[in-house]
Amino acid sequence: MLNDKIAAMLNDQINKELYSAYLYLDFANYYADEGLDGFAHWYEVQAQEERDHALMLRRYLINNGHRVVFEAVAKPDKTFKTHLDPLEAGYEHEQYVTSLITGIYHEAFEQKDYRTMQFLDWFIKEQGEEETNADDMVKKYKLYASDAKGLYALNQELLGRVYTPSATGPAM
């Protein structure tokens, strides 16, 4: 049986993942307003992935006999002065999400909840990828966006990102 404290932490994480989707859609809105459709597209795909993470967590709770309770999703409150700002905020946000997942994993370890630890292994790996991708976005922007041709090329590259639902997500 899934420990109530861990279940509550996982339920809270669902809300955090949905907030992440909202946040990334807000980034996409910013870039769309700025005419950077590739950047907007990249964050639209990112938002879909975050929604998928929330659904995986939801399914895990349901499959383990816990009721899911949705809380209100906070409105993103970031304001941006430069095109780099959302990228840096995205990297910081992924580090924050990693700390949340790690906290749940730690509690599962403390409770000897090996099933939840195994479930979270996928999220731990995924967060490593998420942080790398976010950091790469910051680095690429700093490297290429200082001139209009570089920004255009990077924007075009980002248009090529394809959303693929995770077929290798955690076993639930």
N, C-alpha and C. Protein backbone atom coordinates (compact mmCIF):
# COMPACT_ATOMS: atom_id res chain seq x y z
N MET A 1 0.84 -1.19 0.00
CA MET A 1 0.00 0.00 0.00
C MET A 1 0.88 1.24 0.00
N LEU A 2 0.50 2.19 -0.77
CA LEU A 2 1.23 3.44 -0.90
C LEU A 2 1.05 4.29 0.36
N ASN A 3 2.14 4.72 0.94
CA ASN A 3 2.16 5.57 2.13
C ASN A 3 1.40 6.87 1.84
N ASP A 4 0.59 7.33 2.81
CA ASP A 4 -0.22 8.54 2.62
C ASP A 4 0.64 9.78 2.37
N LYS A 5 1.78 9.89 3.05
CA LYS A 5 2.65 11.06 2.86
C LYS A 5 3.21 11.08 1.44
N ILE A 6 3.64 9.93 0.97
CA ILE A 6 4.17 9.85 -0.40
C ILE A 6 3.06 10.13 -1.41
N ALA A 7 1.88 9.58 -1.15
CA ALA A 7 0.74 9.84 -2.04
C ALA A 7 0.44 11.33 -2.11
N ALA A 8 0.49 12.00 -0.98
CA ALA A 8 0.24 13.45 -0.96
C ALA A 8 1.32 14.20 -1.73
N MET A 9 2.56 13.76 -1.59
CA MET A 9 3.65 14.41 -2.33
C MET A 9 3.49 14.20 -3.83
N LEU A 10 3.10 12.99 -4.23
CA LEU A 10 2.88 12.71 -5.65
C LEU A 10 1.69 13.51 -6.17
N ASN A 11 0.64 13.63 -5.35
CA ASN A 11 -0.52 14.41 -5.76
C ASN A 11 -0.13 15.88 -5.95
N ASP A 12 0.68 16.39 -5.04
CA ASP A 12 1.17 17.77 -5.17
C ASP A 12 2.02 17.92 -6.43
N GLN A 13 2.79 16.88 -6.75
CA GLN A 13 3.63 16.95 -7.93
C GLN A 13 2.80 17.04 -9.21
N ILE A 14 1.64 16.41 -9.20
CA ILE A 14 0.74 16.54 -10.35
C ILE A 14 0.46 18.02 -10.60
N ASN A 15 0.13 18.75 -9.53
CA ASN A 15 -0.15 20.17 -9.65
C ASN A 15 1.08 20.93 -10.16
N LYS A 16 2.25 20.55 -9.67
CA LYS A 16 3.49 21.22 -10.10
C LYS A 16 3.76 20.97 -11.58
N GLU A 17 3.47 19.76 -12.05
CA GLU A 17 3.67 19.44 -13.47
C GLU A 17 2.68 20.23 -14.33
N LEU A 18 1.45 20.36 -13.86
CA LEU A 18 0.47 21.16 -14.61
C LEU A 18 0.87 22.63 -14.62
N TYR A 19 1.41 23.11 -13.50
CA TYR A 19 1.93 24.48 -13.48
C TYR A 19 3.07 24.61 -14.49
N SER A 20 3.93 23.62 -14.57
CA SER A 20 5.03 23.67 -15.54
C SER A 20 4.49 23.80 -16.96
N ALA A 21 3.42 23.06 -17.25
CA ALA A 21 2.81 23.16 -18.58
C ALA A 21 2.29 24.58 -18.82
N TYR A 22 1.62 25.17 -17.82
CA TYR A 22 1.14 26.55 -17.93
C TYR A 22 2.30 27.51 -18.14
N LEU A 23 3.35 27.31 -17.36
CA LEU A 23 4.51 28.19 -17.45
C LEU A 23 5.11 28.14 -18.85
N TYR A 24 5.26 26.94 -19.38
CA TYR A 24 5.87 26.81 -20.71
C TYR A 24 4.94 27.32 -21.80
N LEU A 25 3.64 27.21 -21.61
CA LEU A 25 2.73 27.83 -22.57
C LEU A 25 2.83 29.35 -22.50
N ASP A 26 3.06 29.88 -21.30
CA ASP A 26 3.27 31.31 -21.15
C ASP A 26 4.54 31.75 -21.88
N PHE A 27 5.60 30.94 -21.77
CA PHE A 27 6.83 31.23 -22.53
C PHE A 27 6.52 31.21 -24.02
N ALA A 28 5.74 30.21 -24.45
CA ALA A 28 5.37 30.11 -25.88
C ALA A 28 4.60 31.35 -26.32
N ASN A 29 3.70 31.84 -25.46
CA ASN A 29 2.96 33.06 -25.79
C ASN A 29 3.90 34.24 -25.97
N TYR A 30 4.86 34.37 -25.07
CA TYR A 30 5.84 35.45 -25.16
C TYR A 30 6.57 35.39 -26.50
N TYR A 31 7.08 34.22 -26.83
CA TYR A 31 7.84 34.09 -28.08
C TYR A 31 6.96 34.28 -29.31
N ALA A 32 5.72 33.82 -29.26
CA ALA A 32 4.80 34.04 -30.38
C ALA A 32 4.57 35.54 -30.57
N ASP A 33 4.39 36.27 -29.47
CA ASP A 33 4.22 37.72 -29.55
C ASP A 33 5.46 38.40 -30.14
N GLU A 34 6.62 37.82 -29.91
CA GLU A 34 7.88 38.38 -30.40
C GLU A 34 8.20 37.94 -31.83
N GLY A 35 7.35 37.09 -32.41
CA GLY A 35 7.58 36.62 -33.78
C GLY A 35 8.60 35.49 -33.88
N LEU A 36 8.89 34.85 -32.77
CA LEU A 36 9.85 33.74 -32.76
C LEU A 36 9.06 32.43 -32.66
N ASP A 37 8.51 32.03 -33.80
CA ASP A 37 7.62 30.87 -33.81
C ASP A 37 8.33 29.56 -33.49
N GLY A 38 9.60 29.45 -33.75
CA GLY A 38 10.36 28.25 -33.40
C GLY A 38 10.50 28.11 -31.90
N PHE A 39 10.83 29.19 -31.23
CA PHE A 39 10.92 29.18 -29.77
C PHE A 39 9.55 28.87 -29.17
N ALA A 40 8.51 29.49 -29.72
CA ALA A 40 7.15 29.24 -29.24
C ALA A 40 6.80 27.76 -29.40
N HIS A 41 7.13 27.21 -30.56
CA HIS A 41 6.84 25.80 -30.81
C HIS A 41 7.59 24.89 -29.82
N TRP A 42 8.85 25.21 -29.57
CA TRP A 42 9.65 24.39 -28.66
C TRP A 42 8.98 24.32 -27.29
N TYR A 43 8.48 25.46 -26.81
CA TYR A 43 7.83 25.47 -25.50
C TYR A 43 6.43 24.88 -25.53
N GLU A 44 5.76 24.90 -26.66
CA GLU A 44 4.48 24.21 -26.77
C GLU A 44 4.68 22.71 -26.61
N VAL A 45 5.71 22.18 -27.24
CA VAL A 45 6.04 20.77 -27.10
C VAL A 45 6.42 20.46 -25.65
N GLN A 46 7.19 21.36 -25.06
CA GLN A 46 7.60 21.18 -23.66
C GLN A 46 6.38 21.12 -22.75
N ALA A 47 5.40 21.96 -23.00
CA ALA A 47 4.17 21.97 -22.21
C ALA A 47 3.44 20.63 -22.34
N GLN A 48 3.41 20.07 -23.54
CA GLN A 48 2.76 18.76 -23.73
C GLN A 48 3.47 17.69 -22.90
N GLU A 49 4.78 17.73 -22.86
CA GLU A 49 5.53 16.76 -22.07
C GLU A 49 5.20 16.88 -20.58
N GLU A 50 5.10 18.10 -20.10
CA GLU A 50 4.79 18.31 -18.68
C GLU A 50 3.39 17.80 -18.35
N ARG A 51 2.47 18.02 -19.24
CA ARG A 51 1.11 17.49 -19.05
C ARG A 51 1.15 15.96 -18.98
N ASP A 52 1.95 15.35 -19.85
CA ASP A 52 2.10 13.90 -19.83
C ASP A 52 2.64 13.42 -18.49
N HIS A 53 3.60 14.16 -17.94
CA HIS A 53 4.16 13.79 -16.63
C HIS A 53 3.07 13.80 -15.56
N ALA A 54 2.22 14.82 -15.61
CA ALA A 54 1.12 14.91 -14.64
C ALA A 54 0.19 13.71 -14.78
N LEU A 55 -0.09 13.32 -16.01
CA LEU A 55 -0.99 12.19 -16.23
C LEU A 55 -0.37 10.87 -15.78
N MET A 56 0.94 10.73 -15.93
CA MET A 56 1.62 9.52 -15.44
C MET A 56 1.52 9.43 -13.92
N LEU A 57 1.74 10.55 -13.26
CA LEU A 57 1.64 10.57 -11.80
C LEU A 57 0.20 10.28 -11.35
N ARG A 58 -0.75 10.86 -12.05
CA ARG A 58 -2.17 10.63 -11.75
C ARG A 58 -2.49 9.15 -11.85
N ARG A 59 -2.07 8.53 -12.94
CA ARG A 59 -2.36 7.11 -13.16
C ARG A 59 -1.71 6.26 -12.07
N TYR A 60 -0.49 6.61 -11.66
CA TYR A 60 0.20 5.86 -10.62
C TYR A 60 -0.59 5.92 -9.31
N LEU A 61 -1.06 7.08 -8.96
CA LEU A 61 -1.85 7.21 -7.73
C LEU A 61 -3.14 6.39 -7.81
N ILE A 62 -3.83 6.50 -8.92
CA ILE A 62 -5.08 5.75 -9.10
C ILE A 62 -4.81 4.25 -9.03
N ASN A 63 -3.76 3.81 -9.73
CA ASN A 63 -3.44 2.38 -9.74
C ASN A 63 -3.00 1.86 -8.37
N ASN A 64 -2.64 2.77 -7.49
CA ASN A 64 -2.22 2.38 -6.15
C ASN A 64 -3.25 2.75 -5.08
N GLY A 65 -4.49 2.92 -5.52
CA GLY A 65 -5.60 3.06 -4.59
C GLY A 65 -5.75 4.42 -3.93
N HIS A 66 -5.18 5.45 -4.53
CA HIS A 66 -5.31 6.79 -3.94
C HIS A 66 -6.13 7.69 -4.85
N ARG A 67 -6.96 8.46 -4.23
CA ARG A 67 -7.77 9.44 -4.95
C ARG A 67 -6.90 10.64 -5.30
N VAL A 68 -7.04 11.09 -6.51
CA VAL A 68 -6.31 12.28 -6.97
C VAL A 68 -7.18 13.50 -6.72
N VAL A 69 -6.56 14.52 -6.14
CA VAL A 69 -7.26 15.77 -5.88
C VAL A 69 -6.51 16.87 -6.61
N PHE A 70 -7.19 17.51 -7.53
CA PHE A 70 -6.57 18.60 -8.27
C PHE A 70 -6.71 19.90 -7.49
N GLU A 71 -5.64 20.63 -7.43
CA GLU A 71 -5.65 21.96 -6.82
C GLU A 71 -5.65 23.00 -7.94
N ALA A 72 -5.89 24.23 -7.60
CA ALA A 72 -5.83 25.31 -8.58
C ALA A 72 -4.40 25.43 -9.09
N VAL A 73 -4.29 25.67 -10.38
CA VAL A 73 -2.97 25.86 -10.99
C VAL A 73 -2.70 27.36 -11.01
N ALA A 74 -1.60 27.74 -10.41
CA ALA A 74 -1.25 29.15 -10.30
C ALA A 74 -0.98 29.76 -11.68
N LYS A 75 -1.29 31.01 -11.80
CA LYS A 75 -1.02 31.76 -13.03
C LYS A 75 0.48 32.08 -13.06
N PRO A 76 1.13 31.81 -14.19
CA PRO A 76 2.55 32.20 -14.28
C PRO A 76 2.69 33.71 -14.11
N ASP A 77 3.71 34.12 -13.37
CA ASP A 77 3.85 35.54 -13.06
C ASP A 77 5.17 36.14 -13.54
N LYS A 78 5.81 35.48 -14.48
CA LYS A 78 7.09 35.97 -14.98
C LYS A 78 6.87 37.09 -16.00
N THR A 79 7.75 38.06 -15.96
CA THR A 79 7.79 39.08 -17.01
C THR A 79 9.18 39.04 -17.62
N PHE A 80 9.25 39.33 -18.90
CA PHE A 80 10.51 39.17 -19.62
C PHE A 80 10.92 40.47 -20.28
N LYS A 81 12.20 40.77 -20.18
CA LYS A 81 12.75 41.96 -20.82
C LYS A 81 13.55 41.60 -22.06
N THR A 82 14.08 40.37 -22.10
CA THR A 82 14.88 39.92 -23.24
C THR A 82 14.43 38.53 -23.66
N HIS A 83 14.83 38.13 -24.85
CA HIS A 83 14.50 36.80 -25.33
C HIS A 83 15.21 35.70 -24.54
N LEU A 84 16.27 36.05 -23.86
CA LEU A 84 17.00 35.09 -23.05
C LEU A 84 16.28 34.79 -21.73
N ASP A 85 15.52 35.74 -21.23
CA ASP A 85 14.88 35.59 -19.91
C ASP A 85 14.05 34.31 -19.76
N PRO A 86 13.15 33.98 -20.71
CA PRO A 86 12.38 32.74 -20.54
C PRO A 86 13.27 31.50 -20.55
N LEU A 87 14.33 31.52 -21.34
CA LEU A 87 15.22 30.36 -21.41
C LEU A 87 15.90 30.13 -20.07
N GLU A 88 16.38 31.22 -19.47
CA GLU A 88 17.02 31.09 -18.16
C GLU A 88 16.01 30.70 -17.09
N ALA A 89 14.81 31.25 -17.17
CA ALA A 89 13.75 30.89 -16.21
C ALA A 89 13.37 29.42 -16.38
N GLY A 90 13.38 28.94 -17.60
CA GLY A 90 13.08 27.53 -17.87
C GLY A 90 14.12 26.60 -17.25
N TYR A 91 15.37 26.98 -17.36
CA TYR A 91 16.45 26.18 -16.78
C TYR A 91 16.32 26.15 -15.25
N GLU A 92 16.09 27.30 -14.66
CA GLU A 92 15.88 27.37 -13.20
C GLU A 92 14.68 26.54 -12.77
N HIS A 93 13.63 26.59 -13.57
CA HIS A 93 12.42 25.84 -13.23
C HIS A 93 12.68 24.34 -13.28
N GLU A 94 13.43 23.89 -14.28
CA GLU A 94 13.73 22.46 -14.36
C GLU A 94 14.58 22.00 -13.17
N GLN A 95 15.48 22.85 -12.72
CA GLN A 95 16.26 22.52 -11.52
C GLN A 95 15.34 22.40 -10.30
N TYR A 96 14.37 23.27 -10.22
CA TYR A 96 13.39 23.23 -9.13
C TYR A 96 12.59 21.93 -9.18
N VAL A 97 12.11 21.57 -10.36
CA VAL A 97 11.33 20.34 -10.50
C VAL A 97 12.18 19.13 -10.13
N THR A 98 13.45 19.15 -10.52
CA THR A 98 14.35 18.06 -10.13
C THR A 98 14.42 17.95 -8.62
N SER A 99 14.49 19.07 -7.92
CA SER A 99 14.55 19.03 -6.46
C SER A 99 13.26 18.45 -5.87
N LEU A 100 12.13 18.72 -6.50
CA LEU A 100 10.86 18.16 -6.02
C LEU A 100 10.81 16.65 -6.19
N ILE A 101 11.21 16.18 -7.37
CA ILE A 101 11.21 14.74 -7.65
C ILE A 101 12.19 14.04 -6.71
N THR A 102 13.34 14.65 -6.52
CA THR A 102 14.35 14.09 -5.62
C THR A 102 13.80 14.00 -4.19
N GLY A 103 13.05 14.99 -3.78
CA GLY A 103 12.45 14.98 -2.45
C GLY A 103 11.46 13.84 -2.28
N ILE A 104 10.66 13.59 -3.30
CA ILE A 104 9.71 12.48 -3.23
C ILE A 104 10.47 11.15 -3.20
N TYR A 105 11.50 11.07 -4.02
CA TYR A 105 12.32 9.85 -4.06
C TYR A 105 12.95 9.59 -2.69
N HIS A 106 13.45 10.64 -2.07
CA HIS A 106 14.07 10.51 -0.76
C HIS A 106 13.06 9.99 0.26
N GLU A 107 11.85 10.53 0.23
CA GLU A 107 10.82 10.06 1.16
C GLU A 107 10.47 8.60 0.89
N ALA A 108 10.38 8.23 -0.39
CA ALA A 108 10.11 6.83 -0.72
C ALA A 108 11.22 5.93 -0.20
N PHE A 109 12.45 6.38 -0.30
CA PHE A 109 13.58 5.62 0.23
C PHE A 109 13.44 5.47 1.74
N GLU A 110 13.13 6.56 2.42
CA GLU A 110 12.98 6.54 3.87
C GLU A 110 11.88 5.56 4.31
N GLN A 111 10.83 5.49 3.51
CA GLN A 111 9.69 4.62 3.83
C GLN A 111 9.86 3.19 3.27
N LYS A 112 11.01 2.97 2.61
CA LYS A 112 11.27 1.67 1.97
C LYS A 112 10.17 1.31 0.97
N ASP A 113 9.72 2.33 0.25
CA ASP A 113 8.69 2.16 -0.77
C ASP A 113 9.40 1.95 -2.11
N TYR A 114 9.82 0.72 -2.33
CA TYR A 114 10.64 0.42 -3.51
C TYR A 114 9.86 0.53 -4.81
N ARG A 115 8.57 0.27 -4.77
CA ARG A 115 7.76 0.40 -5.99
C ARG A 115 7.73 1.86 -6.45
N THR A 116 7.53 2.77 -5.51
CA THR A 116 7.52 4.19 -5.89
C THR A 116 8.90 4.64 -6.33
N MET A 117 9.94 4.14 -5.67
CA MET A 117 11.31 4.48 -6.10
C MET A 117 11.52 4.02 -7.54
N GLN A 118 11.08 2.82 -7.86
CA GLN A 118 11.23 2.32 -9.23
C GLN A 118 10.43 3.18 -10.21
N PHE A 119 9.23 3.54 -9.82
CA PHE A 119 8.40 4.42 -10.65
C PHE A 119 9.11 5.75 -10.90
N LEU A 120 9.70 6.29 -9.84
CA LEU A 120 10.35 7.61 -9.94
C LEU A 120 11.69 7.56 -10.67
N ASP A 121 12.29 6.37 -10.81
CA ASP A 121 13.56 6.26 -11.55
C ASP A 121 13.44 6.90 -12.93
N TRP A 122 12.32 6.69 -13.59
CA TRP A 122 12.11 7.27 -14.92
C TRP A 122 12.11 8.80 -14.84
N PHE A 123 11.45 9.34 -13.82
CA PHE A 123 11.38 10.79 -13.66
C PHE A 123 12.75 11.38 -13.34
N ILE A 124 13.55 10.66 -12.56
CA ILE A 124 14.91 11.12 -12.25
C ILE A 124 15.72 11.25 -13.54
N LYS A 125 15.65 10.21 -14.37
CA LYS A 125 16.36 10.24 -15.66
C LYS A 125 15.81 11.35 -16.55
N GLU A 126 14.50 11.46 -16.60
CA GLU A 126 13.84 12.49 -17.42
C GLU A 126 14.27 13.89 -16.99
N GLN A 127 14.35 14.11 -15.69
CA GLN A 127 14.76 15.44 -15.21
C GLN A 127 16.20 15.76 -15.60
N GLY A 128 17.06 14.75 -15.64
CA GLY A 128 18.41 14.98 -16.14
C GLY A 128 18.38 15.47 -17.58
N GLU A 129 17.54 14.85 -18.39
CA GLU A 129 17.39 15.26 -19.79
C GLU A 129 16.78 16.65 -19.88
N GLU A 130 15.78 16.92 -19.03
CA GLU A 130 15.11 18.23 -19.06
C GLU A 130 16.09 19.35 -18.71
N GLU A 131 16.91 19.13 -17.68
CA GLU A 131 17.90 20.14 -17.31
C GLU A 131 18.92 20.35 -18.42
N THR A 132 19.37 19.26 -19.03
CA THR A 132 20.34 19.37 -20.13
C THR A 132 19.74 20.15 -21.29
N ASN A 133 18.50 19.82 -21.66
CA ASN A 133 17.84 20.53 -22.77
C ASN A 133 17.69 22.01 -22.47
N ALA A 134 17.28 22.34 -21.25
CA ALA A 134 17.09 23.74 -20.88
C ALA A 134 18.43 24.48 -20.88
N ASP A 135 19.46 23.86 -20.36
CA ASP A 135 20.79 24.46 -20.35
C ASP A 135 21.31 24.64 -21.78
N ASP A 136 21.07 23.66 -22.63
CA ASP A 136 21.48 23.76 -24.03
C ASP A 136 20.79 24.92 -24.73
N MET A 137 19.51 25.14 -24.40
CA MET A 137 18.79 26.26 -25.00
C MET A 137 19.45 27.59 -24.62
N VAL A 138 19.82 27.74 -23.36
CA VAL A 138 20.49 28.96 -22.91
C VAL A 138 21.82 29.12 -23.64
N LYS A 139 22.59 28.06 -23.69
CA LYS A 139 23.91 28.11 -24.34
C LYS A 139 23.80 28.44 -25.83
N LYS A 140 22.86 27.78 -26.51
CA LYS A 140 22.69 28.05 -27.94
C LYS A 140 22.26 29.49 -28.18
N TYR A 141 21.35 29.97 -27.35
CA TYR A 141 20.91 31.36 -27.51
C TYR A 141 22.09 32.30 -27.35
N LYS A 142 22.88 32.11 -26.31
CA LYS A 142 24.04 32.98 -26.07
C LYS A 142 25.06 32.88 -27.19
N LEU A 143 25.18 31.71 -27.76
CA LEU A 143 26.18 31.50 -28.82
C LEU A 143 25.72 32.07 -30.16
N TYR A 144 24.46 31.87 -30.52
CA TYR A 144 24.01 32.18 -31.88
C TYR A 144 23.14 33.42 -32.02
N ALA A 145 22.47 33.83 -30.98
CA ALA A 145 21.43 34.85 -31.14
C ALA A 145 21.94 36.28 -31.14
N SER A 146 23.24 36.46 -31.04
CA SER A 146 23.75 37.83 -31.01
C SER A 146 23.64 38.52 -32.37
N ASP A 147 23.45 37.73 -33.43
CA ASP A 147 23.20 38.38 -34.72
C ASP A 147 21.90 37.83 -35.31
N ALA A 148 21.28 38.60 -36.17
CA ALA A 148 19.95 38.27 -36.69
C ALA A 148 19.95 36.93 -37.44
N LYS A 149 21.00 36.65 -38.19
CA LYS A 149 21.05 35.38 -38.93
C LYS A 149 21.15 34.20 -37.97
N GLY A 150 21.91 34.34 -36.91
CA GLY A 150 22.03 33.28 -35.92
C GLY A 150 20.71 33.04 -35.20
N LEU A 151 20.04 34.12 -34.84
CA LEU A 151 18.74 34.00 -34.18
C LEU A 151 17.74 33.33 -35.11
N TYR A 152 17.76 33.73 -36.38
CA TYR A 152 16.86 33.13 -37.37
C TYR A 152 17.13 31.63 -37.51
N ALA A 153 18.40 31.26 -37.61
CA ALA A 153 18.76 29.85 -37.75
C ALA A 153 18.34 29.03 -36.53
N LEU A 154 18.56 29.57 -35.36
CA LEU A 154 18.17 28.88 -34.13
C LEU A 154 16.65 28.75 -34.07
N ASN A 155 15.94 29.80 -34.41
CA ASN A 155 14.49 29.76 -34.44
C ASN A 155 13.99 28.67 -35.39
N GLN A 156 14.62 28.56 -36.55
CA GLN A 156 14.25 27.54 -37.53
C GLN A 156 14.54 26.13 -36.99
N GLU A 157 15.66 25.98 -36.33
CA GLU A 157 16.01 24.69 -35.73
C GLU A 157 14.96 24.25 -34.72
N LEU A 158 14.51 25.18 -33.92
CA LEU A 158 13.54 24.86 -32.87
C LEU A 158 12.17 24.48 -33.43
N LEU A 159 11.87 24.97 -34.64
CA LEU A 159 10.62 24.58 -35.30
C LEU A 159 10.58 23.09 -35.60
N GLY A 160 11.74 22.46 -35.68
CA GLY A 160 11.82 21.05 -36.03
C GLY A 160 11.54 20.09 -34.89
N ARG A 161 11.38 20.60 -33.68
CA ARG A 161 11.12 19.70 -32.54
C ARG A 161 9.77 19.02 -32.73
N VAL A 162 9.76 17.72 -32.52
CA VAL A 162 8.55 16.93 -32.70
C VAL A 162 8.10 16.39 -31.36
N TYR A 163 6.83 16.53 -31.08
CA TYR A 163 6.26 15.98 -29.86
C TYR A 163 6.11 14.48 -30.03
N THR A 164 6.67 13.74 -29.10
CA THR A 164 6.50 12.29 -29.08
C THR A 164 6.06 11.89 -27.68
N PRO A 165 4.87 11.38 -27.54
CA PRO A 165 4.45 10.92 -26.22
C PRO A 165 5.42 9.84 -25.74
N SER A 166 5.67 9.83 -24.48
CA SER A 166 6.62 8.88 -23.93
C SER A 166 6.06 7.47 -23.96
N ALA A 167 6.68 6.63 -24.77
CA ALA A 167 6.31 5.22 -24.80
C ALA A 167 7.10 4.45 -23.75
N THR A 168 8.12 5.11 -23.21
CA THR A 168 8.99 4.43 -22.25
C THR A 168 8.82 5.00 -20.85
N GLY A 169 7.70 5.63 -20.60
CA GLY A 169 7.45 6.17 -19.27
C GLY A 169 7.47 5.09 -18.21
N PRO A 170 7.35 5.49 -16.99
CA PRO A 170 7.46 4.52 -15.89
C PRO A 170 6.31 3.51 -15.89
N ALA A 171 6.63 2.30 -15.50
CA ALA A 171 5.59 1.29 -15.31
C ALA A 171 4.72 1.73 -14.13
N MET A 172 3.45 1.60 -14.27
CA MET A 172 2.57 2.08 -13.23
C MET A 172 1.87 0.94 -12.55
